[in-house]
Amino acid sequence: MSHRTFVMTKAQATSSRAWWVVDATGKPLGRLASEVAHVLRGKHKPQYTPHEDTGDFVIVVNAGKVLLTGDKLDKKFHYHHSGIPGGFTAESYRHVLDRDPTFPVEKAVKGMLPKGVLGREMLTKLKLYATPDHPHAAQKPQPLKMHTQQKAKK
């Protein structure tokens, strides 16, 4: 009896992709992002292969209603430098959520994916919407069950 290692090919990976939908209302940003990145990478599947994009599509609705705990809305900042002298800007997450409600979720998920070509390819399977509607009803997305539970507030 021989034991063989299974390695998924690109054709097998693309043929077995599912669609999942997540409602971000009231979910902590980091916990939501880690679950979404887990599914985008394909680590929830037994056929997971590190060097192939074996993950599924994930639709995140109500991304603007994501929860930032504590004082993070005012004390967590998004930093950007334009590349010219004096081009440094810092913007609080309260303003970032007002300007672009999907940006914090995208940034958090992107940071949890592999760097390079593979990570950029995985990020294309993430679909973000600030409202509860999405144009992917034809793909029949299933609700994604989150493994992390937030503690009840006293």
N, C-alpha and C. Protein backbone atom coordinates (compact mmCIF):
# COMPACT_ATOMS: atom_id res chain seq x y z
N MET A 1 0.84 -1.18 0.00
CA MET A 1 0.00 0.00 0.00
C MET A 1 0.89 1.24 0.00
N SER A 2 0.67 2.11 -0.96
CA SER A 2 1.48 3.33 -1.03
C SER A 2 0.65 4.54 -0.63
N HIS A 3 1.27 5.44 0.07
CA HIS A 3 0.62 6.68 0.48
C HIS A 3 1.09 7.78 -0.46
N ARG A 4 0.13 8.44 -1.10
CA ARG A 4 0.50 9.49 -2.03
C ARG A 4 -0.04 10.82 -1.54
N THR A 5 0.73 11.86 -1.76
CA THR A 5 0.31 13.20 -1.39
C THR A 5 -0.56 13.77 -2.50
N PHE A 6 -1.68 14.38 -2.09
CA PHE A 6 -2.58 14.98 -3.08
C PHE A 6 -2.19 16.43 -3.28
N VAL A 7 -2.00 16.82 -4.52
CA VAL A 7 -1.74 18.21 -4.87
C VAL A 7 -2.76 18.62 -5.92
N MET A 8 -3.55 19.65 -5.59
CA MET A 8 -4.60 20.09 -6.49
C MET A 8 -4.02 20.88 -7.66
N THR A 9 -4.52 20.63 -8.86
CA THR A 9 -4.09 21.39 -10.03
C THR A 9 -4.97 22.63 -10.17
N LYS A 10 -4.53 23.54 -11.02
CA LYS A 10 -5.28 24.78 -11.23
C LYS A 10 -6.68 24.49 -11.79
N ALA A 11 -6.80 23.52 -12.68
CA ALA A 11 -8.10 23.18 -13.26
C ALA A 11 -9.05 22.61 -12.20
N GLN A 12 -8.52 21.77 -11.31
CA GLN A 12 -9.36 21.22 -10.24
C GLN A 12 -9.80 22.32 -9.28
N ALA A 13 -8.91 23.27 -9.01
CA ALA A 13 -9.22 24.36 -8.08
C ALA A 13 -10.32 25.26 -8.61
N THR A 14 -10.26 25.60 -9.89
CA THR A 14 -11.26 26.51 -10.44
C THR A 14 -12.61 25.83 -10.64
N SER A 15 -12.62 24.51 -10.78
CA SER A 15 -13.89 23.82 -11.01
C SER A 15 -14.68 23.62 -9.72
N SER A 16 -14.03 23.71 -8.57
CA SER A 16 -14.72 23.42 -7.30
C SER A 16 -14.91 24.66 -6.43
N ARG A 17 -15.16 25.80 -7.04
CA ARG A 17 -15.32 27.04 -6.28
C ARG A 17 -16.78 27.28 -5.93
N ALA A 18 -17.01 27.61 -4.67
CA ALA A 18 -18.35 27.93 -4.19
C ALA A 18 -18.44 29.43 -3.93
N TRP A 19 -19.65 29.92 -3.70
CA TRP A 19 -19.88 31.32 -3.37
C TRP A 19 -20.46 31.40 -1.98
N TRP A 20 -19.93 32.29 -1.14
CA TRP A 20 -20.38 32.48 0.23
C TRP A 20 -20.75 33.94 0.43
N VAL A 21 -21.72 34.20 1.30
CA VAL A 21 -22.11 35.58 1.62
C VAL A 21 -22.02 35.76 3.13
N VAL A 22 -21.48 36.92 3.54
CA VAL A 22 -21.30 37.24 4.96
C VAL A 22 -21.91 38.61 5.21
N ASP A 23 -22.71 38.72 6.27
CA ASP A 23 -23.23 40.02 6.69
C ASP A 23 -22.30 40.56 7.78
N ALA A 24 -21.67 41.70 7.51
CA ALA A 24 -20.67 42.26 8.43
C ALA A 24 -21.27 43.09 9.54
N THR A 25 -22.58 43.22 9.61
CA THR A 25 -23.22 44.05 10.63
C THR A 25 -22.86 43.58 12.02
N GLY A 26 -22.21 44.46 12.80
CA GLY A 26 -21.89 44.17 14.19
C GLY A 26 -20.79 43.17 14.41
N LYS A 27 -20.07 42.75 13.37
CA LYS A 27 -18.98 41.79 13.53
C LYS A 27 -17.66 42.55 13.70
N PRO A 28 -16.81 42.14 14.63
CA PRO A 28 -15.51 42.81 14.79
C PRO A 28 -14.67 42.67 13.52
N LEU A 29 -14.01 43.75 13.14
CA LEU A 29 -13.28 43.82 11.87
C LEU A 29 -12.24 42.71 11.72
N GLY A 30 -11.40 42.52 12.70
CA GLY A 30 -10.32 41.54 12.59
C GLY A 30 -10.83 40.11 12.52
N ARG A 31 -11.85 39.80 13.31
CA ARG A 31 -12.40 38.44 13.31
C ARG A 31 -13.09 38.13 11.99
N LEU A 32 -13.80 39.12 11.46
CA LEU A 32 -14.44 38.96 10.16
C LEU A 32 -13.39 38.75 9.08
N ALA A 33 -12.35 39.59 9.10
CA ALA A 33 -11.31 39.52 8.07
C ALA A 33 -10.56 38.18 8.10
N SER A 34 -10.30 37.66 9.29
CA SER A 34 -9.56 36.39 9.36
C SER A 34 -10.40 35.23 8.83
N GLU A 35 -11.70 35.24 9.10
CA GLU A 35 -12.58 34.19 8.56
C GLU A 35 -12.67 34.28 7.04
N VAL A 36 -12.80 35.50 6.53
CA VAL A 36 -12.91 35.71 5.08
C VAL A 36 -11.61 35.30 4.38
N ALA A 37 -10.46 35.68 4.95
CA ALA A 37 -9.17 35.32 4.37
C ALA A 37 -8.98 33.80 4.37
N HIS A 38 -9.45 33.14 5.41
CA HIS A 38 -9.37 31.68 5.53
C HIS A 38 -10.10 31.01 4.37
N VAL A 39 -11.29 31.51 4.04
CA VAL A 39 -12.08 30.94 2.95
C VAL A 39 -11.49 31.31 1.59
N LEU A 40 -10.99 32.54 1.44
CA LEU A 40 -10.39 32.95 0.17
C LEU A 40 -9.16 32.11 -0.16
N ARG A 41 -8.40 31.72 0.85
CA ARG A 41 -7.21 30.89 0.63
C ARG A 41 -7.57 29.44 0.35
N GLY A 42 -8.73 28.99 0.84
CA GLY A 42 -9.14 27.62 0.64
C GLY A 42 -8.74 26.70 1.77
N LYS A 43 -8.36 27.26 2.91
CA LYS A 43 -7.90 26.45 4.03
C LYS A 43 -9.03 25.67 4.70
N HIS A 44 -10.27 25.97 4.36
CA HIS A 44 -11.40 25.24 4.91
C HIS A 44 -11.67 23.94 4.15
N LYS A 45 -10.96 23.72 3.06
CA LYS A 45 -11.16 22.54 2.23
C LYS A 45 -10.09 21.49 2.51
N PRO A 46 -10.43 20.22 2.41
CA PRO A 46 -9.40 19.18 2.60
C PRO A 46 -8.38 19.16 1.46
N GLN A 47 -8.73 19.73 0.31
CA GLN A 47 -7.82 19.73 -0.84
C GLN A 47 -6.87 20.94 -0.84
N TYR A 48 -6.76 21.67 0.26
CA TYR A 48 -5.95 22.89 0.32
C TYR A 48 -4.54 22.61 -0.17
N THR A 49 -4.08 23.46 -1.08
CA THR A 49 -2.72 23.39 -1.60
C THR A 49 -2.12 24.78 -1.48
N PRO A 50 -1.00 24.93 -0.76
CA PRO A 50 -0.47 26.28 -0.47
C PRO A 50 -0.09 27.11 -1.70
N HIS A 51 0.38 26.46 -2.77
CA HIS A 51 0.87 27.22 -3.92
C HIS A 51 -0.20 27.40 -5.01
N GLU A 52 -1.44 26.94 -4.77
CA GLU A 52 -2.53 27.13 -5.73
C GLU A 52 -3.64 27.94 -5.08
N ASP A 53 -4.41 28.63 -5.90
CA ASP A 53 -5.55 29.40 -5.42
C ASP A 53 -6.76 28.45 -5.37
N THR A 54 -6.94 27.77 -4.23
CA THR A 54 -8.00 26.78 -4.09
C THR A 54 -9.23 27.33 -3.37
N GLY A 55 -9.24 28.63 -3.08
CA GLY A 55 -10.30 29.21 -2.28
C GLY A 55 -11.59 29.47 -3.03
N ASP A 56 -12.59 29.91 -2.27
CA ASP A 56 -13.91 30.20 -2.81
C ASP A 56 -14.13 31.71 -2.91
N PHE A 57 -15.23 32.09 -3.55
CA PHE A 57 -15.64 33.49 -3.63
C PHE A 57 -16.36 33.87 -2.34
N VAL A 58 -16.13 35.10 -1.86
CA VAL A 58 -16.80 35.58 -0.65
C VAL A 58 -17.40 36.95 -0.94
N ILE A 59 -18.69 37.10 -0.63
CA ILE A 59 -19.39 38.37 -0.76
C ILE A 59 -19.62 38.91 0.64
N VAL A 60 -19.14 40.12 0.91
CA VAL A 60 -19.36 40.75 2.21
C VAL A 60 -20.34 41.89 2.00
N VAL A 61 -21.52 41.80 2.65
CA VAL A 61 -22.52 42.86 2.55
C VAL A 61 -22.53 43.64 3.87
N ASN A 62 -23.04 44.86 3.82
CA ASN A 62 -23.07 45.77 4.97
C ASN A 62 -21.67 45.99 5.54
N ALA A 63 -20.68 46.14 4.67
CA ALA A 63 -19.29 46.30 5.11
C ALA A 63 -19.10 47.58 5.92
N GLY A 64 -19.93 48.58 5.70
CA GLY A 64 -19.81 49.83 6.45
C GLY A 64 -20.29 49.73 7.88
N LYS A 65 -20.98 48.63 8.22
CA LYS A 65 -21.50 48.46 9.58
C LYS A 65 -20.62 47.53 10.41
N VAL A 66 -19.37 47.36 9.98
CA VAL A 66 -18.43 46.51 10.71
C VAL A 66 -18.10 47.18 12.05
N LEU A 67 -17.78 46.38 13.05
CA LEU A 67 -17.57 46.88 14.41
C LEU A 67 -16.08 47.07 14.68
N LEU A 68 -15.73 48.26 15.13
CA LEU A 68 -14.38 48.51 15.64
C LEU A 68 -14.53 48.74 17.13
N THR A 69 -13.97 47.84 17.93
CA THR A 69 -14.17 47.87 19.37
C THR A 69 -13.31 48.95 20.03
N GLY A 70 -13.69 49.31 21.23
CA GLY A 70 -12.93 50.30 21.99
C GLY A 70 -12.99 51.67 21.33
N ASP A 71 -11.87 52.37 21.37
CA ASP A 71 -11.78 53.71 20.78
C ASP A 71 -11.16 53.68 19.39
N LYS A 72 -11.20 52.53 18.72
CA LYS A 72 -10.50 52.40 17.44
C LYS A 72 -11.05 53.33 16.36
N LEU A 73 -12.32 53.71 16.43
CA LEU A 73 -12.87 54.61 15.41
C LEU A 73 -12.10 55.92 15.37
N ASP A 74 -11.66 56.40 16.55
CA ASP A 74 -10.95 57.69 16.60
C ASP A 74 -9.45 57.55 16.81
N LYS A 75 -9.00 56.43 17.36
CA LYS A 75 -7.57 56.29 17.68
C LYS A 75 -6.80 55.39 16.72
N LYS A 76 -7.49 54.72 15.80
CA LYS A 76 -6.82 53.92 14.77
C LYS A 76 -6.81 54.76 13.50
N PHE A 77 -5.65 54.83 12.84
CA PHE A 77 -5.50 55.70 11.68
C PHE A 77 -5.07 54.92 10.46
N HIS A 78 -5.48 55.41 9.30
CA HIS A 78 -4.99 54.92 8.01
C HIS A 78 -3.97 55.93 7.54
N TYR A 79 -2.74 55.48 7.31
CA TYR A 79 -1.66 56.36 6.91
C TYR A 79 -1.39 56.20 5.42
N HIS A 80 -1.08 57.31 4.77
CA HIS A 80 -0.77 57.29 3.34
C HIS A 80 0.27 58.35 3.04
N HIS A 81 1.21 58.02 2.18
CA HIS A 81 2.20 58.99 1.73
C HIS A 81 2.20 59.02 0.22
N SER A 82 2.07 60.21 -0.35
CA SER A 82 1.97 60.35 -1.79
C SER A 82 3.31 60.19 -2.50
N GLY A 83 4.41 60.26 -1.74
CA GLY A 83 5.72 60.12 -2.35
C GLY A 83 6.44 61.45 -2.52
N ILE A 84 5.73 62.56 -2.36
CA ILE A 84 6.39 63.86 -2.45
C ILE A 84 6.61 64.41 -1.04
N PRO A 85 7.58 65.30 -0.84
CA PRO A 85 7.79 65.86 0.50
C PRO A 85 6.54 66.56 1.01
N GLY A 86 6.17 66.25 2.24
CA GLY A 86 4.96 66.83 2.83
C GLY A 86 3.69 66.12 2.42
N GLY A 87 3.81 64.96 1.78
CA GLY A 87 2.64 64.26 1.26
C GLY A 87 2.09 63.20 2.20
N PHE A 88 2.43 63.28 3.49
CA PHE A 88 1.96 62.30 4.47
C PHE A 88 0.58 62.69 4.99
N THR A 89 -0.36 61.76 4.98
CA THR A 89 -1.68 62.03 5.53
C THR A 89 -2.07 60.91 6.49
N ALA A 90 -2.76 61.28 7.54
CA ALA A 90 -3.30 60.32 8.50
C ALA A 90 -4.79 60.60 8.62
N GLU A 91 -5.58 59.54 8.53
CA GLU A 91 -7.04 59.69 8.56
C GLU A 91 -7.60 58.68 9.55
N SER A 92 -8.45 59.13 10.47
CA SER A 92 -9.02 58.21 11.44
C SER A 92 -10.02 57.28 10.74
N TYR A 93 -10.22 56.11 11.34
CA TYR A 93 -11.12 55.13 10.74
C TYR A 93 -12.57 55.60 10.72
N ARG A 94 -12.93 56.54 11.56
CA ARG A 94 -14.28 57.11 11.50
C ARG A 94 -14.46 57.83 10.15
N HIS A 95 -13.45 58.59 9.73
CA HIS A 95 -13.52 59.29 8.45
C HIS A 95 -13.36 58.33 7.27
N VAL A 96 -12.53 57.30 7.45
CA VAL A 96 -12.35 56.31 6.39
C VAL A 96 -13.67 55.59 6.11
N LEU A 97 -14.39 55.21 7.18
CA LEU A 97 -15.68 54.53 7.00
C LEU A 97 -16.72 55.43 6.36
N ASP A 98 -16.67 56.74 6.66
CA ASP A 98 -17.59 57.67 6.01
C ASP A 98 -17.27 57.83 4.53
N ARG A 99 -15.98 57.91 4.20
CA ARG A 99 -15.54 58.14 2.83
C ARG A 99 -15.73 56.90 1.96
N ASP A 100 -15.25 55.74 2.45
CA ASP A 100 -15.34 54.49 1.68
C ASP A 100 -15.61 53.35 2.65
N PRO A 101 -16.87 52.95 2.84
CA PRO A 101 -17.22 51.96 3.85
C PRO A 101 -16.60 50.58 3.64
N THR A 102 -16.20 50.25 2.43
CA THR A 102 -15.64 48.92 2.17
C THR A 102 -14.13 48.86 2.39
N PHE A 103 -13.46 50.00 2.45
CA PHE A 103 -12.00 50.03 2.51
C PHE A 103 -11.41 49.32 3.73
N PRO A 104 -11.90 49.55 4.97
CA PRO A 104 -11.28 48.87 6.12
C PRO A 104 -11.34 47.34 6.03
N VAL A 105 -12.43 46.80 5.52
CA VAL A 105 -12.54 45.35 5.39
C VAL A 105 -11.56 44.85 4.34
N GLU A 106 -11.48 45.56 3.21
CA GLU A 106 -10.56 45.16 2.14
C GLU A 106 -9.12 45.20 2.62
N LYS A 107 -8.75 46.24 3.34
CA LYS A 107 -7.38 46.40 3.85
C LYS A 107 -7.03 45.31 4.85
N ALA A 108 -7.98 44.97 5.74
CA ALA A 108 -7.74 43.94 6.74
C ALA A 108 -7.58 42.56 6.10
N VAL A 109 -8.44 42.24 5.12
CA VAL A 109 -8.37 40.94 4.46
C VAL A 109 -7.09 40.85 3.63
N LYS A 110 -6.75 41.92 2.93
CA LYS A 110 -5.55 41.93 2.09
C LYS A 110 -4.30 41.68 2.92
N GLY A 111 -4.26 42.23 4.13
CA GLY A 111 -3.10 42.02 4.99
C GLY A 111 -2.97 40.59 5.49
N MET A 112 -4.06 39.81 5.43
CA MET A 112 -4.04 38.43 5.91
C MET A 112 -3.83 37.41 4.80
N LEU A 113 -3.72 37.88 3.57
CA LEU A 113 -3.49 36.99 2.43
C LEU A 113 -2.00 36.97 2.10
N PRO A 114 -1.54 35.96 1.34
CA PRO A 114 -0.12 35.93 0.96
C PRO A 114 0.25 37.13 0.11
N LYS A 115 1.48 37.56 0.24
CA LYS A 115 1.97 38.68 -0.55
C LYS A 115 2.42 38.17 -1.91
N GLY A 116 2.22 38.94 -2.95
CA GLY A 116 2.67 38.55 -4.28
C GLY A 116 1.51 38.24 -5.21
N VAL A 117 1.82 37.55 -6.29
CA VAL A 117 0.84 37.27 -7.34
C VAL A 117 -0.31 36.43 -6.81
N LEU A 118 -0.01 35.42 -6.00
CA LEU A 118 -1.05 34.52 -5.49
C LEU A 118 -2.05 35.26 -4.61
N GLY A 119 -1.56 36.14 -3.73
CA GLY A 119 -2.44 36.90 -2.85
C GLY A 119 -3.32 37.88 -3.63
N ARG A 120 -2.76 38.51 -4.65
CA ARG A 120 -3.54 39.43 -5.47
C ARG A 120 -4.63 38.69 -6.24
N GLU A 121 -4.31 37.47 -6.68
CA GLU A 121 -5.30 36.65 -7.38
C GLU A 121 -6.43 36.25 -6.42
N MET A 122 -6.09 35.93 -5.17
CA MET A 122 -7.10 35.56 -4.19
C MET A 122 -8.00 36.74 -3.85
N LEU A 123 -7.43 37.94 -3.80
CA LEU A 123 -8.20 39.13 -3.44
C LEU A 123 -9.27 39.46 -4.48
N THR A 124 -9.08 39.01 -5.73
CA THR A 124 -10.09 39.28 -6.76
C THR A 124 -11.39 38.51 -6.50
N LYS A 125 -11.33 37.48 -5.66
CA LYS A 125 -12.54 36.70 -5.34
C LYS A 125 -13.32 37.30 -4.19
N LEU A 126 -12.85 38.41 -3.63
CA LEU A 126 -13.56 39.10 -2.55
C LEU A 126 -14.44 40.18 -3.16
N LYS A 127 -15.72 40.14 -2.87
CA LYS A 127 -16.68 41.12 -3.38
C LYS A 127 -17.25 41.87 -2.18
N LEU A 128 -17.05 43.19 -2.12
CA LEU A 128 -17.46 44.00 -0.98
C LEU A 128 -18.56 44.97 -1.36
N TYR A 129 -19.58 45.07 -0.48
CA TYR A 129 -20.68 45.99 -0.71
C TYR A 129 -21.07 46.66 0.60
N ALA A 130 -21.29 47.96 0.56
CA ALA A 130 -21.65 48.72 1.76
C ALA A 130 -23.13 48.55 2.11
N THR A 131 -23.91 48.08 1.18
CA THR A 131 -25.36 47.92 1.39
C THR A 131 -25.71 46.43 1.48
N PRO A 132 -26.94 46.10 1.87
CA PRO A 132 -27.30 44.68 1.96
C PRO A 132 -27.54 44.00 0.61
N ASP A 133 -27.60 44.75 -0.50
CA ASP A 133 -27.84 44.10 -1.80
C ASP A 133 -26.52 43.83 -2.50
N HIS A 134 -26.52 42.81 -3.35
CA HIS A 134 -25.36 42.49 -4.18
C HIS A 134 -25.85 41.90 -5.50
N PRO A 135 -25.08 42.05 -6.58
CA PRO A 135 -25.53 41.58 -7.89
C PRO A 135 -25.16 40.13 -8.19
N HIS A 136 -24.87 39.33 -7.16
CA HIS A 136 -24.40 37.96 -7.39
C HIS A 136 -25.44 36.91 -7.02
N ALA A 137 -26.72 37.24 -7.14
CA ALA A 137 -27.79 36.29 -6.79
C ALA A 137 -27.78 35.08 -7.71
N ALA A 138 -27.34 35.25 -8.95
CA ALA A 138 -27.32 34.14 -9.90
C ALA A 138 -26.34 33.05 -9.50
N GLN A 139 -25.32 33.39 -8.71
CA GLN A 139 -24.34 32.40 -8.26
C GLN A 139 -24.84 31.59 -7.07
N LYS A 140 -26.00 31.94 -6.54
CA LYS A 140 -26.62 31.26 -5.39
C LYS A 140 -25.65 31.14 -4.21
N PRO A 141 -25.21 32.26 -3.64
CA PRO A 141 -24.26 32.17 -2.52
C PRO A 141 -24.93 31.63 -1.26
N GLN A 142 -24.18 30.82 -0.53
CA GLN A 142 -24.64 30.26 0.74
C GLN A 142 -24.15 31.15 1.87
N PRO A 143 -24.91 31.26 2.98
CA PRO A 143 -24.42 32.06 4.11
C PRO A 143 -23.22 31.37 4.76
N LEU A 144 -22.18 32.12 5.00
CA LEU A 144 -20.96 31.59 5.61
C LEU A 144 -21.11 31.61 7.12
N LYS A 145 -20.93 30.45 7.74
CA LYS A 145 -21.05 30.36 9.20
C LYS A 145 -19.71 30.79 9.80
N MET A 146 -19.77 31.82 10.63
CA MET A 146 -18.56 32.32 11.27
C MET A 146 -18.23 31.42 12.46
N HIS A 147 -16.96 31.07 12.61
CA HIS A 147 -16.53 30.21 13.71
C HIS A 147 -16.31 31.00 14.99
N THR A 148 -16.01 32.28 14.86
CA THR A 148 -15.72 33.09 16.04
C THR A 148 -17.01 33.73 16.55
N GLN A 149 -17.20 33.73 17.82
CA GLN A 149 -18.37 34.35 18.43
C GLN A 149 -17.92 35.47 19.35
N GLN A 150 -18.60 36.58 19.29
CA GLN A 150 -18.27 37.69 20.18
C GLN A 150 -18.95 37.46 21.52
N LYS A 151 -18.23 37.79 22.59
CA LYS A 151 -18.80 37.65 23.93
C LYS A 151 -19.94 38.64 24.13
N ALA A 152 -20.95 38.20 24.85
CA ALA A 152 -22.09 39.09 25.14
C ALA A 152 -21.66 40.19 26.08
N LYS A 153 -22.10 41.41 25.80
CA LYS A 153 -21.76 42.55 26.67
C LYS A 153 -22.63 42.51 27.90
N LYS A 154 -22.02 42.84 29.04
CA LYS A 154 -22.75 42.82 30.30
C LYS A 154 -23.41 44.15 30.58
